[in-house]
Amino acid sequence: MPVPQRRYRPEPMAAAVGAGLPVHEARGSMVLDIGGGTSEVAVVSLNGIVYAASVRMGGDKFDEAIIQYVRRNYGILIGESTAERIKIEIGSAYPETKCMKSPSGTQSVRGSTARLYLEFERDS
């Protein structure tokens, strides 16, 4: 019985295809794939990867930066899952100009639950 063939597709190429980028055309499309511990950037064109690089900075560091930002600027402690939700909402590549998030957390001074309204402006 013949063994079925499995094709390996590198993550940046899979991300580009999944995002609907024109990977088969003769023009470059840049893909940034942010994982938990690493991020990969690639330029894809003509069904191949023209250039790719990986750095050891991923979504976990972004989450931690959001937690520290909210604590430092608003005095509210939020958890990793809240930071993850904020990151996903504000980190979109879509051309919205404003992004709002209303997470809840614990006030660092009083220890009570507080709701926070965050608004992020994007350059157009």
PDB file of N, CA and C in Angstrom:
ATOM      1  N   MET A   1       0.850  -1.170   0.000  1.00  0.00           N
ATOM      2  CA  MET A   1       0.000   0.000   0.000  1.00  0.00           C
ATOM      3  C   MET A   1       0.900   1.239   0.000  1.00  0.00           C
ATOM      4  N   PRO A   2       0.697   2.177  -0.935  1.00  0.00           N
ATOM      5  CA  PRO A   2       1.544   3.366  -0.996  1.00  0.00           C
ATOM      6  C   PRO A   2       1.287   4.311   0.180  1.00  0.00           C
ATOM      7  N   VAL A   3       2.364   4.914   0.636  1.00  0.00           N
ATOM      8  CA  VAL A   3       2.272   5.884   1.738  1.00  0.00           C
ATOM      9  C   VAL A   3       1.877   7.236   1.154  1.00  0.00           C
ATOM     10  N   PRO A   4       0.860   7.903   1.743  1.00  0.00           N
ATOM     11  CA  PRO A   4       0.460   9.207   1.204  1.00  0.00           C
ATOM     12  C   PRO A   4       1.575  10.238   1.365  1.00  0.00           C
ATOM     13  N   GLN A   5       1.744  11.055   0.348  1.00  0.00           N
ATOM     14  CA  GLN A   5       2.764  12.106   0.367  1.00  0.00           C
ATOM     15  C   GLN A   5       2.268  13.285   1.185  1.00  0.00           C
ATOM     16  N   ARG A   6       3.094  13.788   2.062  1.00  0.00           N
ATOM     17  CA  ARG A   6       2.781  14.983   2.844  1.00  0.00           C
ATOM     18  C   ARG A   6       3.733  16.080   2.402  1.00  0.00           C
ATOM     19  N   ARG A   7       3.197  17.241   2.135  1.00  0.00           N
ATOM     20  CA  ARG A   7       4.027  18.370   1.723  1.00  0.00           C
ATOM     21  C   ARG A   7       4.245  19.281   2.913  1.00  0.00           C
ATOM     22  N   TYR A   8       5.495  19.627   3.137  1.00  0.00           N
ATOM     23  CA  TYR A   8       5.847  20.551   4.210  1.00  0.00           C
ATOM     24  C   TYR A   8       5.803  21.969   3.658  1.00  0.00           C
ATOM     25  N   ARG A   9       5.117  22.850   4.352  1.00  0.00           N
ATOM     26  CA  ARG A   9       5.046  24.251   3.943  1.00  0.00           C
ATOM     27  C   ARG A   9       5.567  25.086   5.116  1.00  0.00           C
ATOM     28  N   PRO A  10       6.639  25.853   4.904  1.00  0.00           N
ATOM     29  CA  PRO A  10       7.174  26.687   5.990  1.00  0.00           C
ATOM     30  C   PRO A  10       6.095  27.625   6.544  1.00  0.00           C
ATOM     31  N   GLU A  11       6.188  27.918   7.852  1.00  0.00           N
ATOM     32  CA  GLU A  11       5.168  28.738   8.509  1.00  0.00           C
ATOM     33  C   GLU A  11       4.906  30.079   7.836  1.00  0.00           C
ATOM     34  N   PRO A  12       5.941  30.848   7.447  1.00  0.00           N
ATOM     35  CA  PRO A  12       5.642  32.130   6.797  1.00  0.00           C
ATOM     36  C   PRO A  12       4.848  31.969   5.495  1.00  0.00           C
ATOM     37  N   MET A  13       5.133  30.941   4.737  1.00  0.00           N
ATOM     38  CA  MET A  13       4.397  30.709   3.496  1.00  0.00           C
ATOM     39  C   MET A  13       2.959  30.290   3.805  1.00  0.00           C
ATOM     40  N   ALA A  14       2.787  29.433   4.800  1.00  0.00           N
ATOM     41  CA  ALA A  14       1.442  29.020   5.197  1.00  0.00           C
ATOM     42  C   ALA A  14       0.640  30.226   5.688  1.00  0.00           C
ATOM     43  N   ALA A  15       1.285  31.119   6.443  1.00  0.00           N
ATOM     44  CA  ALA A  15       0.607  32.321   6.941  1.00  0.00           C
ATOM     45  C   ALA A  15       0.207  33.227   5.774  1.00  0.00           C
ATOM     46  N   ALA A  16       1.089  33.360   4.787  1.00  0.00           N
ATOM     47  CA  ALA A  16       0.795  34.204   3.623  1.00  0.00           C
ATOM     48  C   ALA A  16      -0.379  33.654   2.827  1.00  0.00           C
ATOM     49  N   VAL A  17      -0.391  32.349   2.609  1.00  0.00           N
ATOM     50  CA  VAL A  17      -1.491  31.716   1.885  1.00  0.00           C
ATOM     51  C   VAL A  17      -2.785  31.863   2.684  1.00  0.00           C
ATOM     52  N   GLY A  18      -2.711  31.633   4.003  1.00  0.00           N
ATOM     53  CA  GLY A  18      -3.882  31.752   4.861  1.00  0.00           C
ATOM     54  C   GLY A  18      -4.450  33.163   4.904  1.00  0.00           C
ATOM     55  N   ALA A  19      -3.575  34.167   4.760  1.00  0.00           N
ATOM     56  CA  ALA A  19      -4.020  35.567   4.771  1.00  0.00           C
ATOM     57  C   ALA A  19      -4.499  36.024   3.401  1.00  0.00           C
ATOM     58  N   GLY A  20      -4.391  35.150   2.406  1.00  0.00           N
ATOM     59  CA  GLY A  20      -4.865  35.494   1.073  1.00  0.00           C
ATOM     60  C   GLY A  20      -3.919  36.396   0.296  1.00  0.00           C
ATOM     61  N   LEU A  21      -2.638  36.409   0.664  1.00  0.00           N
ATOM     62  CA  LEU A  21      -1.672  37.223  -0.078  1.00  0.00           C
ATOM     63  C   LEU A  21      -1.387  36.591  -1.438  1.00  0.00           C
ATOM     64  N   PRO A  22      -1.055  37.406  -2.429  1.00  0.00           N
ATOM     65  CA  PRO A  22      -0.804  36.882  -3.780  1.00  0.00           C
ATOM     66  C   PRO A  22       0.591  36.261  -3.888  1.00  0.00           C
ATOM     67  N   VAL A  23       0.785  35.100  -3.266  1.00  0.00           N
ATOM     68  CA  VAL A  23       2.112  34.479  -3.213  1.00  0.00           C
ATOM     69  C   VAL A  23       2.590  33.984  -4.576  1.00  0.00           C
ATOM     70  N   HIS A  24       1.689  33.787  -5.515  1.00  0.00           N
ATOM     71  CA  HIS A  24       2.058  33.271  -6.837  1.00  0.00           C
ATOM     72  C   HIS A  24       2.481  34.377  -7.803  1.00  0.00           C
ATOM     73  N   GLU A  25       2.236  35.634  -7.433  1.00  0.00           N
ATOM     74  CA  GLU A  25       2.557  36.745  -8.332  1.00  0.00           C
ATOM     75  C   GLU A  25       4.028  37.163  -8.213  1.00  0.00           C
ATOM     76  N   ALA A  26       4.480  37.898  -9.225  1.00  0.00           N
ATOM     77  CA  ALA A  26       5.865  38.376  -9.268  1.00  0.00           C
ATOM     78  C   ALA A  26       5.997  39.710  -8.529  1.00  0.00           C
ATOM     79  N   ARG A  27       5.505  39.752  -7.307  1.00  0.00           N
ATOM     80  CA  ARG A  27       5.698  40.912  -6.447  1.00  0.00           C
ATOM     81  C   ARG A  27       5.854  40.399  -5.019  1.00  0.00           C
ATOM     82  N   GLY A  28       6.631  41.127  -4.245  1.00  0.00           N
ATOM     83  CA  GLY A  28       6.928  40.690  -2.888  1.00  0.00           C
ATOM     84  C   GLY A  28       5.824  41.031  -1.912  1.00  0.00           C
ATOM     85  N   SER A  29       5.537  40.109  -1.030  1.00  0.00           N
ATOM     86  CA  SER A  29       4.600  40.327   0.067  1.00  0.00           C
ATOM     87  C   SER A  29       5.330  39.972   1.351  1.00  0.00           C
ATOM     88  N   MET A  30       5.302  40.884   2.325  1.00  0.00           N
ATOM     89  CA  MET A  30       5.992  40.625   3.582  1.00  0.00           C
ATOM     90  C   MET A  30       5.019  40.025   4.588  1.00  0.00           C
ATOM     91  N   VAL A  31       5.498  39.021   5.303  1.00  0.00           N
ATOM     92  CA  VAL A  31       4.704  38.318   6.300  1.00  0.00           C
ATOM     93  C   VAL A  31       5.447  38.386   7.626  1.00  0.00           C
ATOM     94  N   LEU A  32       4.729  38.731   8.693  1.00  0.00           N
ATOM     95  CA  LEU A  32       5.286  38.704  10.039  1.00  0.00           C
ATOM     96  C   LEU A  32       4.455  37.719  10.847  1.00  0.00           C
ATOM     97  N   ASP A  33       5.084  36.645  11.257  1.00  0.00           N
ATOM     98  CA  ASP A  33       4.427  35.590  12.023  1.00  0.00           C
ATOM     99  C   ASP A  33       4.944  35.660  13.451  1.00  0.00           C
ATOM    100  N   ILE A  34       4.102  36.153  14.367  1.00  0.00           N
ATOM    101  CA  ILE A  34       4.520  36.309  15.757  1.00  0.00           C
ATOM    102  C   ILE A  34       4.038  35.107  16.546  1.00  0.00           C
ATOM    103  N   GLY A  35       4.980  34.307  16.997  1.00  0.00           N
ATOM    104  CA  GLY A  35       4.660  33.156  17.830  1.00  0.00           C
ATOM    105  C   GLY A  35       4.822  33.514  19.302  1.00  0.00           C
ATOM    106  N   GLY A  36       4.725  32.533  20.174  1.00  0.00           N
ATOM    107  CA  GLY A  36       4.851  32.784  21.604  1.00  0.00           C
ATOM    108  C   GLY A  36       6.252  33.202  22.001  1.00  0.00           C
ATOM    109  N   GLY A  37       7.264  32.536  21.468  1.00  0.00           N
ATOM    110  CA  GLY A  37       8.638  32.825  21.857  1.00  0.00           C
ATOM    111  C   GLY A  37       9.501  33.405  20.757  1.00  0.00           C
ATOM    112  N   THR A  38       9.100  33.230  19.508  1.00  0.00           N
ATOM    113  CA  THR A  38       9.881  33.769  18.394  1.00  0.00           C
ATOM    114  C   THR A  38       8.962  34.429  17.378  1.00  0.00           C
ATOM    115  N   SER A  39       9.539  35.297  16.581  1.00  0.00           N
ATOM    116  CA  SER A  39       8.817  35.936  15.484  1.00  0.00           C
ATOM    117  C   SER A  39       9.600  35.685  14.205  1.00  0.00           C
ATOM    118  N   GLU A  40       8.876  35.417  13.141  1.00  0.00           N
ATOM    119  CA  GLU A  40       9.507  35.200  11.843  1.00  0.00           C
ATOM    120  C   GLU A  40       9.009  36.246  10.864  1.00  0.00           C
ATOM    121  N   VAL A  41       9.923  36.761  10.070  1.00  0.00           N
ATOM    122  CA  VAL A  41       9.548  37.688   9.013  1.00  0.00           C
ATOM    123  C   VAL A  41      10.030  37.070   7.703  1.00  0.00           C
ATOM    124  N   ALA A  42       9.224  37.209   6.670  1.00  0.00           N
ATOM    125  CA  ALA A  42       9.584  36.633   5.382  1.00  0.00           C
ATOM    126  C   ALA A  42       9.008  37.488   4.261  1.00  0.00           C
ATOM    127  N   VAL A  43       9.697  37.477   3.151  1.00  0.00           N
ATOM    128  CA  VAL A  43       9.189  38.073   1.918  1.00  0.00           C
ATOM    129  C   VAL A  43       8.925  36.912   0.972  1.00  0.00           C
ATOM    130  N   VAL A  44       7.684  36.827   0.491  1.00  0.00           N
ATOM    131  CA  VAL A  44       7.302  35.735  -0.394  1.00  0.00           C
ATOM    132  C   VAL A  44       6.933  36.282  -1.766  1.00  0.00           C
ATOM    133  N   SER A  45       7.286  35.524  -2.790  1.00  0.00           N
ATOM    134  CA  SER A  45       6.984  35.888  -4.172  1.00  0.00           C
ATOM    135  C   SER A  45       7.160  34.658  -5.044  1.00  0.00           C
ATOM    136  N   LEU A  46       6.373  34.550  -6.095  1.00  0.00           N
ATOM    137  CA  LEU A  46       6.456  33.442  -7.051  1.00  0.00           C
ATOM    138  C   LEU A  46       6.469  32.072  -6.360  1.00  0.00           C
ATOM    139  N   ASN A  47       5.544  31.896  -5.413  1.00  0.00           N
ATOM    140  CA  ASN A  47       5.371  30.640  -4.675  1.00  0.00           C
ATOM    141  C   ASN A  47       6.599  30.191  -3.890  1.00  0.00           C
ATOM    142  N   GLY A  48       7.431  31.139  -3.489  1.00  0.00           N
ATOM    143  CA  GLY A  48       8.602  30.795  -2.702  1.00  0.00           C
ATOM    144  C   GLY A  48       8.941  31.882  -1.696  1.00  0.00           C
ATOM    145  N   ILE A  49       9.845  31.553  -0.802  1.00  0.00           N
ATOM    146  CA  ILE A  49      10.311  32.517   0.186  1.00  0.00           C
ATOM    147  C   ILE A  49      11.592  33.143  -0.347  1.00  0.00           C
ATOM    148  N   VAL A  50      11.563  34.452  -0.561  1.00  0.00           N
ATOM    149  CA  VAL A  50      12.715  35.184  -1.083  1.00  0.00           C
ATOM    150  C   VAL A  50      13.713  35.438   0.035  1.00  0.00           C
ATOM    151  N   TYR A  51      13.205  35.807   1.198  1.00  0.00           N
ATOM    152  CA  TYR A  51      14.054  36.087   2.357  1.00  0.00           C
ATOM    153  C   TYR A  51      13.275  35.732   3.611  1.00  0.00           C
ATOM    154  N   ALA A  52      13.962  35.209   4.613  1.00  0.00           N
ATOM    155  CA  ALA A  52      13.309  34.906   5.890  1.00  0.00           C
ATOM    156  C   ALA A  52      14.309  35.065   7.020  1.00  0.00           C
ATOM    157  N   ALA A  53      13.819  35.519   8.165  1.00  0.00           N
ATOM    158  CA  ALA A  53      14.649  35.646   9.361  1.00  0.00           C
ATOM    159  C   ALA A  53      13.770  35.395  10.575  1.00  0.00           C
ATOM    160  N   SER A  54      14.400  34.977  11.650  1.00  0.00           N
ATOM    161  CA  SER A  54      13.693  34.681  12.879  1.00  0.00           C
ATOM    162  C   SER A  54      14.393  35.376  14.042  1.00  0.00           C
ATOM    163  N   VAL A  55      13.620  35.937  14.951  1.00  0.00           N
ATOM    164  CA  VAL A  55      14.189  36.566  16.141  1.00  0.00           C
ATOM    165  C   VAL A  55      13.527  35.964  17.375  1.00  0.00           C
ATOM    166  N   ARG A  56      14.263  35.939  18.469  1.00  0.00           N
ATOM    167  CA  ARG A  56      13.758  35.348  19.707  1.00  0.00           C
ATOM    168  C   ARG A  56      12.963  36.359  20.515  1.00  0.00           C
ATOM    169  N   MET A  57      11.976  36.948  19.896  1.00  0.00           N
ATOM    170  CA  MET A  57      11.049  37.838  20.593  1.00  0.00           C
ATOM    171  C   MET A  57       9.672  37.538  20.051  1.00  0.00           C
ATOM    172  N   GLY A  58       8.817  37.090  20.930  1.00  0.00           N
ATOM    173  CA  GLY A  58       7.493  36.717  20.469  1.00  0.00           C
ATOM    174  C   GLY A  58       6.392  37.373  21.258  1.00  0.00           C
ATOM    175  N   GLY A  59       5.221  36.819  21.107  1.00  0.00           N
ATOM    176  CA  GLY A  59       4.033  37.373  21.714  1.00  0.00           C
ATOM    177  C   GLY A  59       4.081  37.430  23.228  1.00  0.00           C
ATOM    178  N   ASP A  60       4.823  36.513  23.859  1.00  0.00           N
ATOM    179  CA  ASP A  60       4.917  36.522  25.314  1.00  0.00           C
ATOM    180  C   ASP A  60       5.558  37.817  25.820  1.00  0.00           C
ATOM    181  N   LYS A  61       6.562  38.299  25.111  1.00  0.00           N
ATOM    182  CA  LYS A  61       7.209  39.566  25.500  1.00  0.00           C
ATOM    183  C   LYS A  61       6.264  40.744  25.277  1.00  0.00           C
ATOM    184  N   PHE A  62       5.479  40.689  24.213  1.00  0.00           N
ATOM    185  CA  PHE A  62       4.481  41.741  23.966  1.00  0.00           C
ATOM    186  C   PHE A  62       3.448  41.758  25.095  1.00  0.00           C
ATOM    187  N   ASP A  63       2.990  40.569  25.502  1.00  0.00           N
ATOM    188  CA  ASP A  63       2.017  40.484  26.597  1.00  0.00           C
ATOM    189  C   ASP A  63       2.580  41.112  27.862  1.00  0.00           C
ATOM    190  N   GLU A  64       3.822  40.777  28.184  1.00  0.00           N
ATOM    191  CA  GLU A  64       4.467  41.328  29.383  1.00  0.00           C
ATOM    192  C   GLU A  64       4.603  42.845  29.283  1.00  0.00           C
ATOM    193  N   ALA A  65       4.928  43.359  28.111  1.00  0.00           N
ATOM    194  CA  ALA A  65       5.040  44.811  27.922  1.00  0.00           C
ATOM    195  C   ALA A  65       3.689  45.496  28.132  1.00  0.00           C
ATOM    196  N   ILE A  66       2.603  44.878  27.683  1.00  0.00           N
ATOM    197  CA  ILE A  66       1.267  45.441  27.884  1.00  0.00           C
ATOM    198  C   ILE A  66       0.912  45.446  29.363  1.00  0.00           C
ATOM    199  N   ILE A  67       1.212  44.348  30.072  1.00  0.00           N
ATOM    200  CA  ILE A  67       0.947  44.270  31.507  1.00  0.00           C
ATOM    201  C   ILE A  67       1.673  45.389  32.247  1.00  0.00           C
ATOM    202  N   GLN A  68       2.950  45.586  31.917  1.00  0.00           N
ATOM    203  CA  GLN A  68       3.745  46.629  32.578  1.00  0.00           C
ATOM    204  C   GLN A  68       3.239  48.031  32.225  1.00  0.00           C
ATOM    205  N   TYR A  69       2.841  48.243  30.981  1.00  0.00           N
ATOM    206  CA  TYR A  69       2.325  49.544  30.546  1.00  0.00           C
ATOM    207  C   TYR A  69       1.067  49.914  31.324  1.00  0.00           C
ATOM    208  N   VAL A  70       0.117  48.987  31.404  1.00  0.00           N
ATOM    209  CA  VAL A  70      -1.140  49.260  32.104  1.00  0.00           C
ATOM    210  C   VAL A  70      -0.874  49.497  33.589  1.00  0.00           C
ATOM    211  N   ARG A  71       0.015  48.726  34.179  1.00  0.00           N
ATOM    212  CA  ARG A  71       0.340  48.901  35.599  1.00  0.00           C
ATOM    213  C   ARG A  71       1.002  50.256  35.851  1.00  0.00           C
ATOM    214  N   ARG A  72       1.964  50.612  35.012  1.00  0.00           N
ATOM    215  CA  ARG A  72       2.714  51.858  35.192  1.00  0.00           C
ATOM    216  C   ARG A  72       1.852  53.089  34.921  1.00  0.00           C
ATOM    217  N   ASN A  73       1.044  53.058  33.875  1.00  0.00           N
ATOM    218  CA  ASN A  73       0.286  54.248  33.477  1.00  0.00           C
ATOM    219  C   ASN A  73      -1.099  54.374  34.108  1.00  0.00           C
ATOM    220  N   TYR A  74      -1.686  53.251  34.548  1.00  0.00           N
ATOM    221  CA  TYR A  74      -3.042  53.287  35.079  1.00  0.00           C
ATOM    222  C   TYR A  74      -3.156  52.732  36.501  1.00  0.00           C
ATOM    223  N   GLY A  75      -2.077  52.121  37.011  1.00  0.00           N
ATOM    224  CA  GLY A  75      -2.122  51.563  38.354  1.00  0.00           C
ATOM    225  C   GLY A  75      -3.037  50.374  38.483  1.00  0.00           C
ATOM    226  N   ILE A  76      -3.246  49.646  37.409  1.00  0.00           N
ATOM    227  CA  ILE A  76      -4.140  48.482  37.411  1.00  0.00           C
ATOM    228  C   ILE A  76      -3.347  47.252  36.981  1.00  0.00           C
ATOM    229  N   LEU A  77      -3.542  46.171  37.718  1.00  0.00           N
ATOM    230  CA  LEU A  77      -2.877  44.912  37.405  1.00  0.00           C
ATOM    231  C   LEU A  77      -3.806  44.065  36.543  1.00  0.00           C
ATOM    232  N   ILE A  78      -3.300  43.627  35.403  1.00  0.00           N
ATOM    233  CA  ILE A  78      -4.073  42.730  34.541  1.00  0.00           C
ATOM    234  C   ILE A  78      -3.287  41.445  34.367  1.00  0.00           C
ATOM    235  N   GLY A  79      -3.966  40.397  34.016  1.00  0.00           N
ATOM    236  CA  GLY A  79      -3.321  39.105  33.837  1.00  0.00           C
ATOM    237  C   GLY A  79      -2.878  38.869  32.403  1.00  0.00           C
ATOM    238  N   GLU A  80      -2.228  37.730  32.203  1.00  0.00           N
ATOM    239  CA  GLU A  80      -1.705  37.384  30.878  1.00  0.00           C
ATOM    240  C   GLU A  80      -2.814  37.213  29.846  1.00  0.00           C
ATOM    241  N   SER A  81      -3.942  36.624  30.246  1.00  0.00           N
ATOM    242  CA  SER A  81      -5.016  36.414  29.268  1.00  0.00           C
ATOM    243  C   SER A  81      -5.633  37.746  28.835  1.00  0.00           C
ATOM    244  N   THR A  82      -5.737  38.710  29.759  1.00  0.00           N
ATOM    245  CA  THR A  82      -6.248  40.031  29.399  1.00  0.00           C
ATOM    246  C   THR A  82      -5.268  40.746  28.481  1.00  0.00           C
ATOM    247  N   ALA A  83      -3.977  40.647  28.797  1.00  0.00           N
ATOM    248  CA  ALA A  83      -2.958  41.262  27.940  1.00  0.00           C
ATOM    249  C   ALA A  83      -2.979  40.640  26.542  1.00  0.00           C
ATOM    250  N   GLU A  84      -3.184  39.347  26.476  1.00  0.00           N
ATOM    251  CA  GLU A  84      -3.271  38.651  25.182  1.00  0.00           C
ATOM    252  C   GLU A  84      -4.452  39.167  24.363  1.00  0.00           C
ATOM    253  N   ARG A  85      -5.607  39.336  25.015  1.00  0.00           N
ATOM    254  CA  ARG A  85      -6.787  39.853  24.311  1.00  0.00           C
ATOM    255  C   ARG A  85      -6.550  41.281  23.812  1.00  0.00           C
ATOM    256  N   ILE A  86      -5.901  42.111  24.637  1.00  0.00           N
ATOM    257  CA  ILE A  86      -5.590  43.482  24.221  1.00  0.00           C
ATOM    258  C   ILE A  86      -4.654  43.448  23.021  1.00  0.00           C
ATOM    259  N   LYS A  87      -3.624  42.617  23.083  1.00  0.00           N
ATOM    260  CA  LYS A  87      -2.646  42.514  21.994  1.00  0.00           C
ATOM    261  C   LYS A  87      -3.318  42.123  20.679  1.00  0.00           C
ATOM    262  N   ILE A  88      -4.197  41.151  20.744  1.00  0.00           N
ATOM    263  CA  ILE A  88      -4.877  40.697  19.529  1.00  0.00           C
ATOM    264  C   ILE A  88      -5.763  41.802  18.968  1.00  0.00           C
ATOM    265  N   GLU A  89      -6.459  42.517  19.843  1.00  0.00           N
ATOM    266  CA  GLU A  89      -7.364  43.559  19.374  1.00  0.00           C
ATOM    267  C   GLU A  89      -6.618  44.761  18.802  1.00  0.00           C
ATOM    268  N   ILE A  90      -5.559  45.198  19.469  1.00  0.00           N
ATOM    269  CA  ILE A  90      -4.854  46.393  18.986  1.00  0.00           C
ATOM    270  C   ILE A  90      -3.778  46.071  17.966  1.00  0.00           C
ATOM    271  N   GLY A  91      -3.413  44.802  17.836  1.00  0.00           N
ATOM    272  CA  GLY A  91      -2.322  44.432  16.952  1.00  0.00           C
ATOM    273  C   GLY A  91      -2.736  44.056  15.548  1.00  0.00           C
ATOM    274  N   SER A  92      -3.946  44.364  15.182  1.00  0.00           N
ATOM    275  CA  SER A  92      -4.438  44.020  13.853  1.00  0.00           C
ATOM    276  C   SER A  92      -3.756  44.843  12.772  1.00  0.00           C
ATOM    277  N   ALA A  93      -3.545  44.245  11.640  1.00  0.00           N
ATOM    278  CA  ALA A  93      -2.943  44.958  10.506  1.00  0.00           C
ATOM    279  C   ALA A  93      -4.004  45.654   9.660  1.00  0.00           C
ATOM    280  N   TYR A  94      -5.262  45.533  10.044  1.00  0.00           N
ATOM    281  CA  TYR A  94      -6.321  46.174   9.288  1.00  0.00           C
ATOM    282  C   TYR A  94      -6.297  47.678   9.518  1.00  0.00           C
ATOM    283  N   PRO A  95      -6.745  48.476   8.551  1.00  0.00           N
ATOM    284  CA  PRO A  95      -6.562  49.928   8.592  1.00  0.00           C
ATOM    285  C   PRO A  95      -7.534  50.721   9.460  1.00  0.00           C
ATOM    286  N   GLU A  96      -7.953  50.195  10.597  1.00  0.00           N
ATOM    287  CA  GLU A  96      -8.783  50.982  11.503  1.00  0.00           C
ATOM    288  C   GLU A  96      -7.909  52.062  12.131  1.00  0.00           C
ATOM    289  N   THR A  97      -8.486  53.222  12.413  1.00  0.00           N
ATOM    290  CA  THR A  97      -7.679  54.289  13.004  1.00  0.00           C
ATOM    291  C   THR A  97      -7.755  54.313  14.521  1.00  0.00           C
ATOM    292  N   LYS A  98      -8.823  53.785  15.102  1.00  0.00           N
ATOM    293  CA  LYS A  98      -8.947  53.734  16.558  1.00  0.00           C
ATOM    294  C   LYS A  98      -9.247  52.311  16.988  1.00  0.00           C
ATOM    295  N   CYS A  99      -8.729  51.978  18.128  1.00  0.00           N
ATOM    296  CA  CYS A  99      -8.985  50.665  18.677  1.00  0.00           C
ATOM    297  C   CYS A  99      -9.230  50.845  20.169  1.00  0.00           C
ATOM    298  N   MET A 100     -10.303  50.269  20.680  1.00  0.00           N
ATOM    299  CA  MET A 100     -10.642  50.454  22.073  1.00  0.00           C
ATOM    300  C   MET A 100     -10.738  49.117  22.790  1.00  0.00           C
ATOM    301  N   LYS A 101     -10.354  49.115  24.034  1.00  0.00           N
ATOM    302  CA  LYS A 101     -10.423  47.910  24.842  1.00  0.00           C
ATOM    303  C   LYS A 101     -10.820  48.312  26.242  1.00  0.00           C
ATOM    304  N   SER A 102     -11.681  47.550  26.862  1.00  0.00           N
ATOM    305  CA  SER A 102     -12.136  47.857  28.206  1.00  0.00           C
ATOM    306  C   SER A 102     -11.889  46.655  29.112  1.00  0.00           C
ATOM    307  N   PRO A 103     -10.627  46.391  29.466  1.00  0.00           N
ATOM    308  CA  PRO A 103     -10.344  45.245  30.325  1.00  0.00           C
ATOM    309  C   PRO A 103     -10.600  45.578  31.788  1.00  0.00           C
ATOM    310  N   SER A 104     -10.740  44.557  32.596  1.00  0.00           N
ATOM    311  CA  SER A 104     -10.818  44.784  34.031  1.00  0.00           C
ATOM    312  C   SER A 104      -9.564  44.211  34.659  1.00  0.00           C
ATOM    313  N   GLY A 105      -9.218  44.757  35.811  1.00  0.00           N
ATOM    314  CA  GLY A 105      -8.026  44.313  36.517  1.00  0.00           C
ATOM    315  C   GLY A 105      -8.139  44.687  37.972  1.00  0.00           C
ATOM    316  N   THR A 106      -7.057  44.553  38.698  1.00  0.00           N
ATOM    317  CA  THR A 106      -7.032  44.882  40.117  1.00  0.00           C
ATOM    318  C   THR A 106      -6.227  46.150  40.316  1.00  0.00           C
ATOM    319  N   GLN A 107      -6.814  47.111  41.038  1.00  0.00           N
ATOM    320  CA  GLN A 107      -6.075  48.338  41.326  1.00  0.00           C
ATOM    321  C   GLN A 107      -4.917  47.976  42.249  1.00  0.00           C
ATOM    322  N   SER A 108      -3.708  48.425  41.889  1.00  0.00           N
ATOM    323  CA  SER A 108      -2.529  48.018  42.631  1.00  0.00           C
ATOM    324  C   SER A 108      -2.456  48.638  44.016  1.00  0.00           C
ATOM    325  N   VAL A 109      -3.112  49.764  44.255  1.00  0.00           N
ATOM    326  CA  VAL A 109      -3.051  50.418  45.556  1.00  0.00           C
ATOM    327  C   VAL A 109      -4.126  49.877  46.497  1.00  0.00           C
ATOM    328  N   ARG A 110      -5.385  49.827  46.026  1.00  0.00           N
ATOM    329  CA  ARG A 110      -6.497  49.422  46.887  1.00  0.00           C
ATOM    330  C   ARG A 110      -6.802  47.935  46.855  1.00  0.00           C
ATOM    331  N   GLY A 111      -6.404  47.251  45.802  1.00  0.00           N
ATOM    332  CA  GLY A 111      -6.679  45.826  45.697  1.00  0.00           C
ATOM    333  C   GLY A 111      -8.084  45.492  45.240  1.00  0.00           C
ATOM    334  N   SER A 112      -8.855  46.492  44.813  1.00  0.00           N
ATOM    335  CA  SER A 112     -10.218  46.244  44.348  1.00  0.00           C
ATOM    336  C   SER A 112     -10.244  46.095  42.833  1.00  0.00           C
ATOM    337  N   THR A 113     -11.303  45.492  42.326  1.00  0.00           N
ATOM    338  CA  THR A 113     -11.446  45.310  40.890  1.00  0.00           C
ATOM    339  C   THR A 113     -11.803  46.640  40.233  1.00  0.00           C
ATOM    340  N   ALA A 114     -11.182  46.909  39.104  1.00  0.00           N
ATOM    341  CA  ALA A 114     -11.428  48.158  38.382  1.00  0.00           C
ATOM    342  C   ALA A 114     -11.564  47.859  36.904  1.00  0.00           C
ATOM    343  N   ARG A 115     -12.383  48.655  36.225  1.00  0.00           N
ATOM    344  CA  ARG A 115     -12.519  48.539  34.773  1.00  0.00           C
ATOM    345  C   ARG A 115     -11.755  49.695  34.160  1.00  0.00           C
ATOM    346  N   LEU A 116     -11.044  49.411  33.104  1.00  0.00           N
ATOM    347  CA  LEU A 116     -10.172  50.389  32.465  1.00  0.00           C
ATOM    348  C   LEU A 116     -10.581  50.529  31.011  1.00  0.00           C
ATOM    349  N   TYR A 117     -10.625  51.741  30.519  1.00  0.00           N
ATOM    350  CA  TYR A 117     -10.945  51.991  29.114  1.00  0.00           C
ATOM    351  C   TYR A 117      -9.669  52.450  28.437  1.00  0.00           C
ATOM    352  N   LEU A 118      -9.166  51.638  27.515  1.00  0.00           N
ATOM    353  CA  LEU A 118      -7.952  51.976  26.780  1.00  0.00           C
ATOM    354  C   LEU A 118      -8.315  52.340  25.351  1.00  0.00           C
ATOM    355  N   GLU A 119      -7.741  53.401  24.840  1.00  0.00           N
ATOM    356  CA  GLU A 119      -7.963  53.794  23.457  1.00  0.00           C
ATOM    357  C   GLU A 119      -6.605  54.016  22.816  1.00  0.00           C
ATOM    358  N   PHE A 120      -6.379  53.367  21.687  1.00  0.00           N
ATOM    359  CA  PHE A 120      -5.116  53.452  20.984  1.00  0.00           C
ATOM    360  C   PHE A 120      -5.348  54.098  19.636  1.00  0.00           C
ATOM    361  N   GLU A 121      -4.548  55.082  19.312  1.00  0.00           N
ATOM    362  CA  GLU A 121      -4.617  55.743  18.000  1.00  0.00           C
ATOM    363  C   GLU A 121      -3.564  55.123  17.098  1.00  0.00           C
ATOM    364  N   ARG A 122      -3.937  54.919  15.859  1.00  0.00           N
ATOM    365  CA  ARG A 122      -2.985  54.426  14.869  1.00  0.00           C
ATOM    366  C   ARG A 122      -2.734  55.525  13.858  1.00  0.00           C
ATOM    367  N   ASP A 123      -1.501  55.603  13.388  1.00  0.00           N
ATOM    368  CA  ASP A 123      -1.190  56.549  12.326  1.00  0.00           C
ATOM    369  C   ASP A 123      -1.830  56.067  11.033  1.00  0.00           C
ATOM    370  N   SER A 124      -2.366  56.995  10.257  1.00  0.00           N
ATOM    371  CA  SER A 124      -2.990  56.595   8.992  1.00  0.00           C
ATOM    372  C   SER A 124      -2.051  56.810   7.833  1.00  0.00           C
TER     373      SER A 124
END
